[in-house]
Amino acid sequence: RLSTFIKQHALFQSGERILLAVSGGRDSVLMAQLFNEAGFNFGIAHCNFSLRGDESENDEQFCSDLASELDVPFYSTRFDTLEHSEQNHISLQMAARDLRYKWLEEIRSDFDYQYISIAHHQNDVMETMLLNLTRGTGIAGMHGILPKKGKIIRPLLFLKRDEIDEIVADKGYLYREDSSNVSTKYARNKIRLEVIPVLKELNPSLEETFESNRKRFEELEILLANRLAELRSELFKQVGPDEYEVDLQGLKNLDPVDTLLYGLFHSFGFTETVLQDFKKAWDGEPGKMFNSFSHDLFLDRGRAILTKRKSTIEGVVFIKDAQSSIKWNVKKYKCETIS
């Protein structure tokens, strides 16, 4: 089943070197054991987030021992996750995720691995979809975790959590249990421990249902991407290296307007809020300007002008004598001399 899934989704080619992200938990341990049994070329990478004292130290040692047992390369690192979280004003989970993926990519690149393999399974996809739906999301958030995205692959997405538990128990594989997995202070754990059991009472085949839904949303995203590519070629006329004339009437004729408008402009940095303001203004007097972090959108007669903003952020702006205005960080300032 693993080999079939890898071939079906073209995750990697025979002989390519794969870096496995192994925490020591049952999911990543099974991934390492399956890769070993399949004869794949792989190494093991482990992140010590320094959050659980001796438990974190023992996880690292366990993963080192596993790599020795399987006779594969081992890479490890330690992070001050709490400090990174506080300095960047993000949650511990987000801090750990950022640190982990950045380091894994460095190891992949430095040691000539083609892909990074993560041990996500079908239940992880279901939890992600529910979290995204709860917080608000578009189509991309509704297909959850993809089998392959850039240099990240997830070869265990054909398995459910119950299946993993059964295989690990049947094979007698040793693994480490993360004590934080039973804490409902984390949103994902709350979904897994409290929400999903109730949903499974309503639908015992919940994993299969979510996997079918995931495939539908993934295909819908492809359809939307194709439609947006067609619309850009129809409505956007490039008139300079970083400038487009956009057919305003064509934008007004979009259906559904909000979804397509956002799809056309979000890659230029425009938020839904700004685009709603743009839509409200496009039937009024021309001359209004709308900004993203990288582009300006100017309402002209019968068209909109989209231009890439030149970097204007400087630590010091010099004002010359008799200068009436300056532009700094997308804002225009009036200059007056006061005697």
C-alpha atoms as a PDB file:
ATOM      1  CA  ARG A   1       0.000   0.000   0.000  1.00  0.00           C
ATOM      2  CA  LEU A   2       2.856   2.383   0.780  1.00  0.00           C
ATOM      3  CA  SER A   3       4.584   1.725  -2.542  1.00  0.00           C
ATOM      4  CA  THR A   4       1.296   2.068  -4.420  1.00  0.00           C
ATOM      5  CA  PHE A   5       0.540   5.404  -2.735  1.00  0.00           C
ATOM      6  CA  ILE A   6       4.024   6.727  -3.495  1.00  0.00           C
ATOM      7  CA  LYS A   7       3.705   5.784  -7.172  1.00  0.00           C
ATOM      8  CA  GLN A   8       0.118   7.038  -7.446  1.00  0.00           C
ATOM      9  CA  HIS A   9       1.078  10.513  -6.231  1.00  0.00           C
ATOM     10  CA  ALA A  10       4.599  10.546  -7.747  1.00  0.00           C
ATOM     11  CA  LEU A  11       6.089  11.347  -4.346  1.00  0.00           C
ATOM     12  CA  PHE A  12       9.622  10.345  -5.318  1.00  0.00           C
ATOM     13  CA  GLN A  13      11.585   8.121  -7.670  1.00  0.00           C
ATOM     14  CA  SER A  14      13.429   4.929  -6.816  1.00  0.00           C
ATOM     15  CA  GLY A  15      16.928   5.702  -5.590  1.00  0.00           C
ATOM     16  CA  GLU A  16      16.206   9.279  -4.474  1.00  0.00           C
ATOM     17  CA  ARG A  17      17.338  10.175  -0.964  1.00  0.00           C
ATOM     18  CA  ILE A  18      14.532  11.018   1.481  1.00  0.00           C
ATOM     19  CA  LEU A  19      14.926  12.802   4.821  1.00  0.00           C
ATOM     20  CA  LEU A  20      12.433  11.470   7.373  1.00  0.00           C
ATOM     21  CA  ALA A  21      11.232  13.805  10.132  1.00  0.00           C
ATOM     22  CA  VAL A  22      11.021  11.478  13.136  1.00  0.00           C
ATOM     23  CA  SER A  23       9.749  12.627  16.528  1.00  0.00           C
ATOM     24  CA  GLY A  24       9.859   9.190  18.119  1.00  0.00           C
ATOM     25  CA  GLY A  25       6.062   8.846  18.187  1.00  0.00           C
ATOM     26  CA  ARG A  26       4.310   5.854  16.703  1.00  0.00           C
ATOM     27  CA  ASP A  27       3.460   7.553  13.374  1.00  0.00           C
ATOM     28  CA  SER A  28       7.003   8.596  12.477  1.00  0.00           C
ATOM     29  CA  VAL A  29       8.495   5.364  13.861  1.00  0.00           C
ATOM     30  CA  LEU A  30       6.193   3.362  11.589  1.00  0.00           C
ATOM     31  CA  MET A  31       7.205   5.558   8.654  1.00  0.00           C
ATOM     32  CA  ALA A  32      10.882   4.839   9.320  1.00  0.00           C
ATOM     33  CA  GLN A  33      10.252   1.097   9.704  1.00  0.00           C
ATOM     34  CA  LEU A  34       8.213   0.955   6.480  1.00  0.00           C
ATOM     35  CA  PHE A  35      10.885   2.863   4.548  1.00  0.00           C
ATOM     36  CA  ASN A  36      13.458   0.419   5.886  1.00  0.00           C
ATOM     37  CA  GLU A  37      11.403  -2.642   4.896  1.00  0.00           C
ATOM     38  CA  ALA A  38      10.803  -1.164   1.427  1.00  0.00           C
ATOM     39  CA  GLY A  39      14.545  -0.647   0.947  1.00  0.00           C
ATOM     40  CA  PHE A  40      14.308   3.106   0.360  1.00  0.00           C
ATOM     41  CA  ASN A  41      17.334   5.387   0.680  1.00  0.00           C
ATOM     42  CA  PHE A  42      16.685   7.599   3.702  1.00  0.00           C
ATOM     43  CA  GLY A  43      18.053   9.404   6.740  1.00  0.00           C
ATOM     44  CA  ILE A  44      16.396  10.378  10.024  1.00  0.00           C
ATOM     45  CA  ALA A  45      16.133  13.944  11.355  1.00  0.00           C
ATOM     46  CA  HIS A  46      14.919  14.822  14.863  1.00  0.00           C
ATOM     47  CA  CYS A  47      14.099  18.193  16.446  1.00  0.00           C
ATOM     48  CA  ASN A  48      14.452  18.643  20.203  1.00  0.00           C
ATOM     49  CA  PHE A  49      12.208  21.598  21.082  1.00  0.00           C
ATOM     50  CA  SER A  50      13.414  21.698  24.715  1.00  0.00           C
ATOM     51  CA  LEU A  51       9.860  21.939  26.050  1.00  0.00           C
ATOM     52  CA  ARG A  52       9.443  18.751  28.105  1.00  0.00           C
ATOM     53  CA  GLY A  53      12.685  18.412  30.073  1.00  0.00           C
ATOM     54  CA  ASP A  54      13.974  14.841  30.377  1.00  0.00           C
ATOM     55  CA  GLU A  55      11.163  13.631  28.133  1.00  0.00           C
ATOM     56  CA  SER A  56      12.560  15.688  25.238  1.00  0.00           C
ATOM     57  CA  GLU A  57      16.083  14.399  25.926  1.00  0.00           C
ATOM     58  CA  ASN A  58      14.873  10.798  25.948  1.00  0.00           C
ATOM     59  CA  ASP A  59      12.982  11.329  22.670  1.00  0.00           C
ATOM     60  CA  GLU A  60      16.196  12.505  21.009  1.00  0.00           C
ATOM     61  CA  GLN A  61      18.169   9.532  22.328  1.00  0.00           C
ATOM     62  CA  PHE A  62      15.445   7.133  21.194  1.00  0.00           C
ATOM     63  CA  CYS A  63      15.561   8.522  17.634  1.00  0.00           C
ATOM     64  CA  SER A  64      19.348   8.306  17.594  1.00  0.00           C
ATOM     65  CA  ASP A  65      19.134   4.669  18.675  1.00  0.00           C
ATOM     66  CA  LEU A  66      16.501   3.973  16.006  1.00  0.00           C
ATOM     67  CA  ALA A  67      18.759   5.406  13.295  1.00  0.00           C
ATOM     68  CA  SER A  68      21.616   3.216  14.550  1.00  0.00           C
ATOM     69  CA  GLU A  69      19.348   0.168  14.556  1.00  0.00           C
ATOM     70  CA  LEU A  70      18.269   0.846  10.953  1.00  0.00           C
ATOM     71  CA  ASP A  71      21.844   1.825   9.966  1.00  0.00           C
ATOM     72  CA  VAL A  72      20.867   5.178   8.433  1.00  0.00           C
ATOM     73  CA  PRO A  73      22.259   8.721   8.890  1.00  0.00           C
ATOM     74  CA  PHE A  74      20.964  10.684  11.862  1.00  0.00           C
ATOM     75  CA  TYR A  75      20.657  14.472  12.262  1.00  0.00           C
ATOM     76  CA  SER A  76      19.426  16.302  15.334  1.00  0.00           C
ATOM     77  CA  THR A  77      19.151  19.832  16.642  1.00  0.00           C
ATOM     78  CA  ARG A  78      17.879  21.669  19.695  1.00  0.00           C
ATOM     79  CA  PHE A  79      15.764  24.805  19.761  1.00  0.00           C
ATOM     80  CA  ASP A  80      14.854  27.318  22.429  1.00  0.00           C
ATOM     81  CA  THR A  81      11.255  27.197  21.266  1.00  0.00           C
ATOM     82  CA  LEU A  82       9.914  29.279  24.143  1.00  0.00           C
ATOM     83  CA  GLU A  83      12.315  32.140  23.379  1.00  0.00           C
ATOM     84  CA  HIS A  84      11.438  32.022  19.651  1.00  0.00           C
ATOM     85  CA  SER A  85       7.736  32.088  20.549  1.00  0.00           C
ATOM     86  CA  GLU A  86       8.106  35.117  22.827  1.00  0.00           C
ATOM     87  CA  GLN A  87      10.390  37.072  20.494  1.00  0.00           C
ATOM     88  CA  ASN A  88       8.072  36.609  17.511  1.00  0.00           C
ATOM     89  CA  HIS A  89       4.778  36.861  19.462  1.00  0.00           C
ATOM     90  CA  ILE A  90       3.501  33.523  18.157  1.00  0.00           C
ATOM     91  CA  SER A  91       2.186  30.368  19.822  1.00  0.00           C
ATOM     92  CA  LEU A  92       4.540  27.599  20.923  1.00  0.00           C
ATOM     93  CA  GLN A  93       3.076  25.307  18.286  1.00  0.00           C
ATOM     94  CA  MET A  94       3.652  27.852  15.522  1.00  0.00           C
ATOM     95  CA  ALA A  95       7.173  28.544  16.801  1.00  0.00           C
ATOM     96  CA  ALA A  96       7.995  24.832  16.796  1.00  0.00           C
ATOM     97  CA  ARG A  97       6.580  24.430  13.298  1.00  0.00           C
ATOM     98  CA  ASP A  98       8.580  27.363  11.901  1.00  0.00           C
ATOM     99  CA  LEU A  99      11.827  26.198  13.486  1.00  0.00           C
ATOM    100  CA  ARG A 100      11.288  22.604  12.428  1.00  0.00           C
ATOM    101  CA  TYR A 101      10.583  23.176   8.742  1.00  0.00           C
ATOM    102  CA  LYS A 102      13.386  25.729   8.363  1.00  0.00           C
ATOM    103  CA  TRP A 103      15.941  23.347   9.868  1.00  0.00           C
ATOM    104  CA  LEU A 104      14.674  20.322   7.925  1.00  0.00           C
ATOM    105  CA  GLU A 105      15.064  22.235   4.666  1.00  0.00           C
ATOM    106  CA  GLU A 106      18.622  23.192   5.628  1.00  0.00           C
ATOM    107  CA  ILE A 107      19.509  19.545   6.296  1.00  0.00           C
ATOM    108  CA  ARG A 108      17.788  18.409   3.096  1.00  0.00           C
ATOM    109  CA  SER A 109      19.733  20.908   1.017  1.00  0.00           C
ATOM    110  CA  ASP A 110      23.105  20.532   2.781  1.00  0.00           C
ATOM    111  CA  PHE A 111      23.139  16.712   2.690  1.00  0.00           C
ATOM    112  CA  ASP A 112      21.665  16.180  -0.776  1.00  0.00           C
ATOM    113  CA  TYR A 113      18.246  14.750   0.049  1.00  0.00           C
ATOM    114  CA  GLN A 114      15.556  15.188  -2.580  1.00  0.00           C
ATOM    115  CA  TYR A 115      12.519  15.360  -0.263  1.00  0.00           C
ATOM    116  CA  ILE A 116      11.471  15.739   3.377  1.00  0.00           C
ATOM    117  CA  SER A 117       8.980  13.102   4.511  1.00  0.00           C
ATOM    118  CA  ILE A 118       6.426  13.907   7.232  1.00  0.00           C
ATOM    119  CA  ALA A 119       4.349  11.182   8.950  1.00  0.00           C
ATOM    120  CA  HIS A 120       0.916  12.787   8.626  1.00  0.00           C
ATOM    121  CA  HIS A 121      -1.988  10.370   8.195  1.00  0.00           C
ATOM    122  CA  GLN A 122      -5.704  10.599   7.319  1.00  0.00           C
ATOM    123  CA  ASN A 123      -6.762  11.693  10.816  1.00  0.00           C
ATOM    124  CA  ASP A 124      -4.295  14.577  10.683  1.00  0.00           C
ATOM    125  CA  VAL A 125      -5.942  15.706   7.454  1.00  0.00           C
ATOM    126  CA  MET A 126      -9.381  15.514   9.049  1.00  0.00           C
ATOM    127  CA  GLU A 127      -8.242  17.517  12.095  1.00  0.00           C
ATOM    128  CA  THR A 128      -6.665  20.170   9.858  1.00  0.00           C
ATOM    129  CA  MET A 129      -9.834  20.499   7.775  1.00  0.00           C
ATOM    130  CA  LEU A 130     -11.966  20.909  10.901  1.00  0.00           C
ATOM    131  CA  LEU A 131      -9.568  23.480  12.386  1.00  0.00           C
ATOM    132  CA  ASN A 132      -9.480  25.463   9.141  1.00  0.00           C
ATOM    133  CA  LEU A 133     -13.260  25.349   8.815  1.00  0.00           C
ATOM    134  CA  THR A 134     -13.654  26.554  12.401  1.00  0.00           C
ATOM    135  CA  ARG A 135     -11.260  29.472  11.916  1.00  0.00           C
ATOM    136  CA  GLY A 136     -12.439  30.385   8.418  1.00  0.00           C
ATOM    137  CA  THR A 137     -10.870  29.232   5.179  1.00  0.00           C
ATOM    138  CA  GLY A 138     -11.052  29.025   1.414  1.00  0.00           C
ATOM    139  CA  ILE A 139     -10.925  25.967  -0.812  1.00  0.00           C
ATOM    140  CA  ALA A 140      -7.200  25.406  -0.160  1.00  0.00           C
ATOM    141  CA  GLY A 141      -7.872  25.073   3.561  1.00  0.00           C
ATOM    142  CA  MET A 142     -10.645  22.579   2.922  1.00  0.00           C
ATOM    143  CA  HIS A 143      -8.464  20.022   1.183  1.00  0.00           C
ATOM    144  CA  GLY A 144      -6.225  20.011   4.248  1.00  0.00           C
ATOM    145  CA  ILE A 145      -2.836  18.349   3.897  1.00  0.00           C
ATOM    146  CA  LEU A 146      -1.668  17.345   0.420  1.00  0.00           C
ATOM    147  CA  PRO A 147       0.472  14.239  -0.282  1.00  0.00           C
ATOM    148  CA  LYS A 148       3.110  16.397  -1.972  1.00  0.00           C
ATOM    149  CA  LYS A 149       3.858  20.102  -1.830  1.00  0.00           C
ATOM    150  CA  GLY A 150       7.217  21.347  -3.025  1.00  0.00           C
ATOM    151  CA  LYS A 151       9.913  19.384  -1.241  1.00  0.00           C
ATOM    152  CA  ILE A 152       7.527  18.043   1.432  1.00  0.00           C
ATOM    153  CA  ILE A 153       5.958  14.604   0.992  1.00  0.00           C
ATOM    154  CA  ARG A 154       3.500  12.733   3.220  1.00  0.00           C
ATOM    155  CA  PRO A 155       3.552   9.036   2.287  1.00  0.00           C
ATOM    156  CA  LEU A 156       1.337   7.820   5.174  1.00  0.00           C
ATOM    157  CA  LEU A 157      -1.824   9.625   4.093  1.00  0.00           C
ATOM    158  CA  PHE A 158      -3.300   6.289   3.002  1.00  0.00           C
ATOM    159  CA  LEU A 159      -3.456   5.187   6.661  1.00  0.00           C
ATOM    160  CA  LYS A 160      -5.910   5.973   9.460  1.00  0.00           C
ATOM    161  CA  ARG A 161      -4.751   6.411  13.068  1.00  0.00           C
ATOM    162  CA  ASP A 162      -6.440   3.135  14.111  1.00  0.00           C
ATOM    163  CA  GLU A 163      -4.579   1.257  11.377  1.00  0.00           C
ATOM    164  CA  ILE A 164      -1.258   2.704  12.518  1.00  0.00           C
ATOM    165  CA  ASP A 165      -1.985   1.663  16.091  1.00  0.00           C
ATOM    166  CA  GLU A 166      -2.777  -1.884  14.950  1.00  0.00           C
ATOM    167  CA  ILE A 167       0.321  -2.232  12.758  1.00  0.00           C
ATOM    168  CA  VAL A 168       2.675  -0.872  15.420  1.00  0.00           C
ATOM    169  CA  ALA A 169       1.177  -3.179  18.062  1.00  0.00           C
ATOM    170  CA  ASP A 170       1.263  -6.197  15.740  1.00  0.00           C
ATOM    171  CA  LYS A 171       4.903  -5.590  14.771  1.00  0.00           C
ATOM    172  CA  GLY A 172       5.938  -4.775  18.328  1.00  0.00           C
ATOM    173  CA  TYR A 173       7.670  -1.535  17.315  1.00  0.00           C
ATOM    174  CA  LEU A 174       8.888   0.580  20.209  1.00  0.00           C
ATOM    175  CA  TYR A 175       7.979   4.267  20.207  1.00  0.00           C
ATOM    176  CA  ARG A 176       7.789   7.298  22.495  1.00  0.00           C
ATOM    177  CA  GLU A 177       4.520   8.736  23.832  1.00  0.00           C
ATOM    178  CA  ASP A 178       4.338  12.549  23.902  1.00  0.00           C
ATOM    179  CA  SER A 179       2.596  13.551  27.141  1.00  0.00           C
ATOM    180  CA  SER A 180       1.391  16.815  25.568  1.00  0.00           C
ATOM    181  CA  ASN A 181      -0.823  14.824  23.167  1.00  0.00           C
ATOM    182  CA  VAL A 182      -3.430  14.353  25.904  1.00  0.00           C
ATOM    183  CA  SER A 183      -3.638  18.047  26.820  1.00  0.00           C
ATOM    184  CA  THR A 184      -6.746  19.787  25.490  1.00  0.00           C
ATOM    185  CA  LYS A 185      -5.194  23.256  25.902  1.00  0.00           C
ATOM    186  CA  TYR A 186      -4.010  22.862  22.299  1.00  0.00           C
ATOM    187  CA  ALA A 187      -6.714  23.409  19.658  1.00  0.00           C
ATOM    188  CA  ARG A 188      -5.734  20.371  17.570  1.00  0.00           C
ATOM    189  CA  ASN A 189      -5.836  18.082  20.605  1.00  0.00           C
ATOM    190  CA  LYS A 190      -9.262  19.438  21.550  1.00  0.00           C
ATOM    191  CA  ILE A 191     -10.518  18.624  18.049  1.00  0.00           C
ATOM    192  CA  ARG A 192      -9.005  15.132  18.207  1.00  0.00           C
ATOM    193  CA  LEU A 193     -10.039  14.221  21.753  1.00  0.00           C
ATOM    194  CA  GLU A 194     -13.412  15.940  22.127  1.00  0.00           C
ATOM    195  CA  VAL A 195     -14.910  16.858  18.741  1.00  0.00           C
ATOM    196  CA  ILE A 196     -14.059  13.930  16.464  1.00  0.00           C
ATOM    197  CA  PRO A 197     -15.393  11.232  18.850  1.00  0.00           C
ATOM    198  CA  VAL A 198     -18.800  12.962  18.775  1.00  0.00           C
ATOM    199  CA  LEU A 199     -18.705  13.226  14.967  1.00  0.00           C
ATOM    200  CA  LYS A 200     -17.823   9.537  14.716  1.00  0.00           C
ATOM    201  CA  GLU A 201     -20.966   8.711  16.663  1.00  0.00           C
ATOM    202  CA  LEU A 202     -22.879  10.356  13.808  1.00  0.00           C
ATOM    203  CA  ASN A 203     -20.693   8.810  11.099  1.00  0.00           C
ATOM    204  CA  PRO A 204     -18.523   5.785  12.009  1.00  0.00           C
ATOM    205  CA  SER A 205     -16.810   6.075   8.593  1.00  0.00           C
ATOM    206  CA  LEU A 206     -15.747   9.657   9.258  1.00  0.00           C
ATOM    207  CA  GLU A 207     -12.163   9.232   7.964  1.00  0.00           C
ATOM    208  CA  GLU A 208     -13.351   7.812   4.637  1.00  0.00           C
ATOM    209  CA  THR A 209     -15.918  10.609   4.274  1.00  0.00           C
ATOM    210  CA  PHE A 210     -13.322  13.301   4.933  1.00  0.00           C
ATOM    211  CA  GLU A 211     -10.887  11.701   2.507  1.00  0.00           C
ATOM    212  CA  SER A 212     -13.567  11.783  -0.211  1.00  0.00           C
ATOM    213  CA  ASN A 213     -14.322  15.412   0.653  1.00  0.00           C
ATOM    214  CA  ARG A 214     -10.602  16.256   0.568  1.00  0.00           C
ATOM    215  CA  LYS A 215     -10.279  14.902  -2.975  1.00  0.00           C
ATOM    216  CA  ARG A 216     -13.304  16.911  -4.127  1.00  0.00           C
ATOM    217  CA  PHE A 217     -11.934  20.142  -2.657  1.00  0.00           C
ATOM    218  CA  GLU A 218      -8.512  19.458  -4.166  1.00  0.00           C
ATOM    219  CA  GLU A 219     -10.100  19.068  -7.607  1.00  0.00           C
ATOM    220  CA  LEU A 220     -12.222  22.191  -7.068  1.00  0.00           C
ATOM    221  CA  GLU A 221      -9.047  24.138  -6.313  1.00  0.00           C
ATOM    222  CA  ILE A 222      -7.564  22.955  -9.624  1.00  0.00           C
ATOM    223  CA  LEU A 223     -10.729  24.031 -11.465  1.00  0.00           C
ATOM    224  CA  LEU A 224     -10.605  27.452  -9.790  1.00  0.00           C
ATOM    225  CA  ALA A 225      -6.897  27.883 -10.600  1.00  0.00           C
ATOM    226  CA  ASN A 226      -7.562  27.093 -14.261  1.00  0.00           C
ATOM    227  CA  ARG A 227     -10.461  29.564 -14.398  1.00  0.00           C
ATOM    228  CA  LEU A 228      -8.377  32.289 -12.753  1.00  0.00           C
ATOM    229  CA  ALA A 229      -5.581  31.747 -15.297  1.00  0.00           C
ATOM    230  CA  GLU A 230      -8.115  32.226 -18.101  1.00  0.00           C
ATOM    231  CA  LEU A 231      -9.507  35.399 -16.514  1.00  0.00           C
ATOM    232  CA  ARG A 232      -6.059  36.912 -15.996  1.00  0.00           C
ATOM    233  CA  SER A 233      -5.238  36.411 -19.673  1.00  0.00           C
ATOM    234  CA  GLU A 234      -8.571  38.035 -20.622  1.00  0.00           C
ATOM    235  CA  LEU A 235      -8.693  40.948 -18.181  1.00  0.00           C
ATOM    236  CA  PHE A 236      -5.058  41.808 -17.419  1.00  0.00           C
ATOM    237  CA  LYS A 237      -3.067  43.579 -20.136  1.00  0.00           C
ATOM    238  CA  GLN A 238       0.606  44.087 -19.348  1.00  0.00           C
ATOM    239  CA  VAL A 239       1.685  47.593 -20.369  1.00  0.00           C
ATOM    240  CA  GLY A 240       5.054  47.699 -18.611  1.00  0.00           C
ATOM    241  CA  PRO A 241       7.500  45.505 -16.689  1.00  0.00           C
ATOM    242  CA  ASP A 242       5.512  45.920 -13.465  1.00  0.00           C
ATOM    243  CA  GLU A 243       2.250  47.452 -14.675  1.00  0.00           C
ATOM    244  CA  TYR A 244      -1.091  46.058 -15.863  1.00  0.00           C
ATOM    245  CA  GLU A 245      -4.258  47.604 -17.246  1.00  0.00           C
ATOM    246  CA  VAL A 246      -7.233  45.663 -15.878  1.00  0.00           C
ATOM    247  CA  ASP A 247     -10.608  45.631 -17.621  1.00  0.00           C
ATOM    248  CA  LEU A 248     -12.922  47.156 -15.013  1.00  0.00           C
ATOM    249  CA  GLN A 249     -16.151  46.112 -16.741  1.00  0.00           C
ATOM    250  CA  GLY A 250     -14.812  42.584 -16.929  1.00  0.00           C
ATOM    251  CA  LEU A 251     -14.265  42.626 -13.169  1.00  0.00           C
ATOM    252  CA  LYS A 252     -17.836  43.863 -12.621  1.00  0.00           C
ATOM    253  CA  ASN A 253     -19.142  40.950 -14.719  1.00  0.00           C
ATOM    254  CA  LEU A 254     -17.391  38.300 -12.603  1.00  0.00           C
ATOM    255  CA  ASP A 255     -19.679  35.657 -11.144  1.00  0.00           C
ATOM    256  CA  PRO A 256     -19.224  34.847  -8.293  1.00  0.00           C
ATOM    257  CA  VAL A 257     -17.539  38.206  -7.963  1.00  0.00           C
ATOM    258  CA  ASP A 258     -16.017  38.029  -4.463  1.00  0.00           C
ATOM    259  CA  THR A 259     -14.308  34.647  -4.892  1.00  0.00           C
ATOM    260  CA  LEU A 260     -12.932  35.443  -8.341  1.00  0.00           C
ATOM    261  CA  LEU A 261     -11.903  38.992  -7.432  1.00  0.00           C
ATOM    262  CA  TYR A 262      -9.900  37.703  -4.467  1.00  0.00           C
ATOM    263  CA  GLY A 263      -8.404  34.925  -6.577  1.00  0.00           C
ATOM    264  CA  LEU A 264      -7.235  37.429  -9.197  1.00  0.00           C
ATOM    265  CA  PHE A 265      -5.639  39.883  -6.787  1.00  0.00           C
ATOM    266  CA  HIS A 266      -4.520  38.049  -3.652  1.00  0.00           C
ATOM    267  CA  SER A 267      -1.215  37.032  -5.277  1.00  0.00           C
ATOM    268  CA  PHE A 268      -0.490  40.774  -5.498  1.00  0.00           C
ATOM    269  CA  GLY A 269      -0.945  41.072  -1.736  1.00  0.00           C
ATOM    270  CA  PHE A 270      -4.492  42.466  -1.614  1.00  0.00           C
ATOM    271  CA  THR A 271      -6.675  41.426   1.311  1.00  0.00           C
ATOM    272  CA  GLU A 272     -10.399  40.698   1.156  1.00  0.00           C
ATOM    273  CA  THR A 273     -11.106  43.899   3.114  1.00  0.00           C
ATOM    274  CA  VAL A 274      -9.210  46.096   0.634  1.00  0.00           C
ATOM    275  CA  LEU A 275     -10.848  44.360  -2.323  1.00  0.00           C
ATOM    276  CA  GLN A 276     -14.303  44.942  -0.838  1.00  0.00           C
ATOM    277  CA  ASP A 277     -13.464  48.661  -0.599  1.00  0.00           C
ATOM    278  CA  PHE A 278     -12.222  48.546  -4.190  1.00  0.00           C
ATOM    279  CA  LYS A 279     -15.470  46.911  -5.339  1.00  0.00           C
ATOM    280  CA  LYS A 280     -17.610  49.525  -3.536  1.00  0.00           C
ATOM    281  CA  ALA A 281     -15.650  52.336  -5.212  1.00  0.00           C
ATOM    282  CA  TRP A 282     -15.483  51.085  -8.800  1.00  0.00           C
ATOM    283  CA  ASP A 283     -18.815  52.680  -9.785  1.00  0.00           C
ATOM    284  CA  GLY A 284     -17.895  56.041  -8.248  1.00  0.00           C
ATOM    285  CA  GLU A 285     -15.579  58.824  -9.329  1.00  0.00           C
ATOM    286  CA  PRO A 286     -12.231  57.642 -10.758  1.00  0.00           C
ATOM    287  CA  GLY A 287      -8.957  58.443  -9.073  1.00  0.00           C
ATOM    288  CA  LYS A 288      -9.103  56.340  -5.912  1.00  0.00           C
ATOM    289  CA  MET A 289      -6.042  54.316  -4.930  1.00  0.00           C
ATOM    290  CA  PHE A 290      -5.917  50.994  -3.075  1.00  0.00           C
ATOM    291  CA  ASN A 291      -2.746  49.493  -1.634  1.00  0.00           C
ATOM    292  CA  SER A 292      -1.277  46.156  -0.705  1.00  0.00           C
ATOM    293  CA  PHE A 293       2.162  45.628   0.817  1.00  0.00           C
ATOM    294  CA  SER A 294       3.632  45.343  -2.688  1.00  0.00           C
ATOM    295  CA  HIS A 295       1.213  46.878  -5.230  1.00  0.00           C
ATOM    296  CA  ASP A 296      -1.029  49.861  -5.927  1.00  0.00           C
ATOM    297  CA  LEU A 297      -4.438  49.528  -7.593  1.00  0.00           C
ATOM    298  CA  PHE A 298      -5.661  52.768  -9.162  1.00  0.00           C
ATOM    299  CA  LEU A 299      -9.207  53.340 -10.442  1.00  0.00           C
ATOM    300  CA  ASP A 300      -9.143  55.059 -13.835  1.00  0.00           C
ATOM    301  CA  ARG A 301     -11.999  55.591 -16.316  1.00  0.00           C
ATOM    302  CA  GLY A 302     -13.221  52.143 -17.383  1.00  0.00           C
ATOM    303  CA  ARG A 303     -10.114  50.401 -16.163  1.00  0.00           C
ATOM    304  CA  ALA A 304      -7.935  49.764 -13.157  1.00  0.00           C
ATOM    305  CA  ILE A 305      -4.170  50.257 -13.174  1.00  0.00           C
ATOM    306  CA  LEU A 306      -2.149  47.712 -11.205  1.00  0.00           C
ATOM    307  CA  THR A 307       1.463  48.648 -10.518  1.00  0.00           C
ATOM    308  CA  LYS A 308       4.213  47.163  -8.422  1.00  0.00           C
ATOM    309  CA  ARG A 309       5.357  49.604  -5.807  1.00  0.00           C
ATOM    310  CA  LYS A 310       9.006  50.540  -5.710  1.00  0.00           C
ATOM    311  CA  SER A 311      10.554  50.080  -2.323  1.00  0.00           C
ATOM    312  CA  THR A 312      10.319  53.358  -0.437  1.00  0.00           C
ATOM    313  CA  ILE A 313      11.027  52.236   3.099  1.00  0.00           C
ATOM    314  CA  GLU A 314      14.138  53.952   4.425  1.00  0.00           C
ATOM    315  CA  GLY A 315      15.424  54.641   7.890  1.00  0.00           C
ATOM    316  CA  VAL A 316      15.998  58.290   7.037  1.00  0.00           C
ATOM    317  CA  VAL A 317      14.196  60.469   4.485  1.00  0.00           C
ATOM    318  CA  PHE A 318      15.921  63.746   3.583  1.00  0.00           C
ATOM    319  CA  ILE A 319      13.651  66.723   2.953  1.00  0.00           C
ATOM    320  CA  LYS A 320      15.067  69.352   0.649  1.00  0.00           C
ATOM    321  CA  ASP A 321      14.353  73.053   1.023  1.00  0.00           C
ATOM    322  CA  ALA A 322      10.999  74.081  -0.445  1.00  0.00           C
ATOM    323  CA  GLN A 323       9.985  70.448  -0.982  1.00  0.00           C
ATOM    324  CA  SER A 324       6.191  70.339  -0.792  1.00  0.00           C
ATOM    325  CA  SER A 325       5.717  66.615  -0.166  1.00  0.00           C
ATOM    326  CA  ILE A 326       7.526  63.309   0.314  1.00  0.00           C
ATOM    327  CA  LYS A 327       6.462  59.693  -0.071  1.00  0.00           C
ATOM    328  CA  TRP A 328       7.489  57.172   2.576  1.00  0.00           C
ATOM    329  CA  ASN A 329       6.166  53.607   2.977  1.00  0.00           C
ATOM    330  CA  VAL A 330       3.136  54.048   0.639  1.00  0.00           C
ATOM    331  CA  LYS A 331       2.032  57.253   2.418  1.00  0.00           C
ATOM    332  CA  LYS A 332       2.388  60.792   1.071  1.00  0.00           C
ATOM    333  CA  TYR A 333       3.313  63.521   3.523  1.00  0.00           C
ATOM    334  CA  LYS A 334       2.857  67.260   3.112  1.00  0.00           C
ATOM    335  CA  CYS A 335       5.857  69.405   4.048  1.00  0.00           C
ATOM    336  CA  GLU A 336       5.579  72.885   5.504  1.00  0.00           C
ATOM    337  CA  THR A 337       8.174  75.257   6.900  1.00  0.00           C
ATOM    338  CA  ILE A 338       7.089  76.754  10.201  1.00  0.00           C
ATOM    339  CA  SER A 339       8.884  79.949  11.258  1.00  0.00           C
END
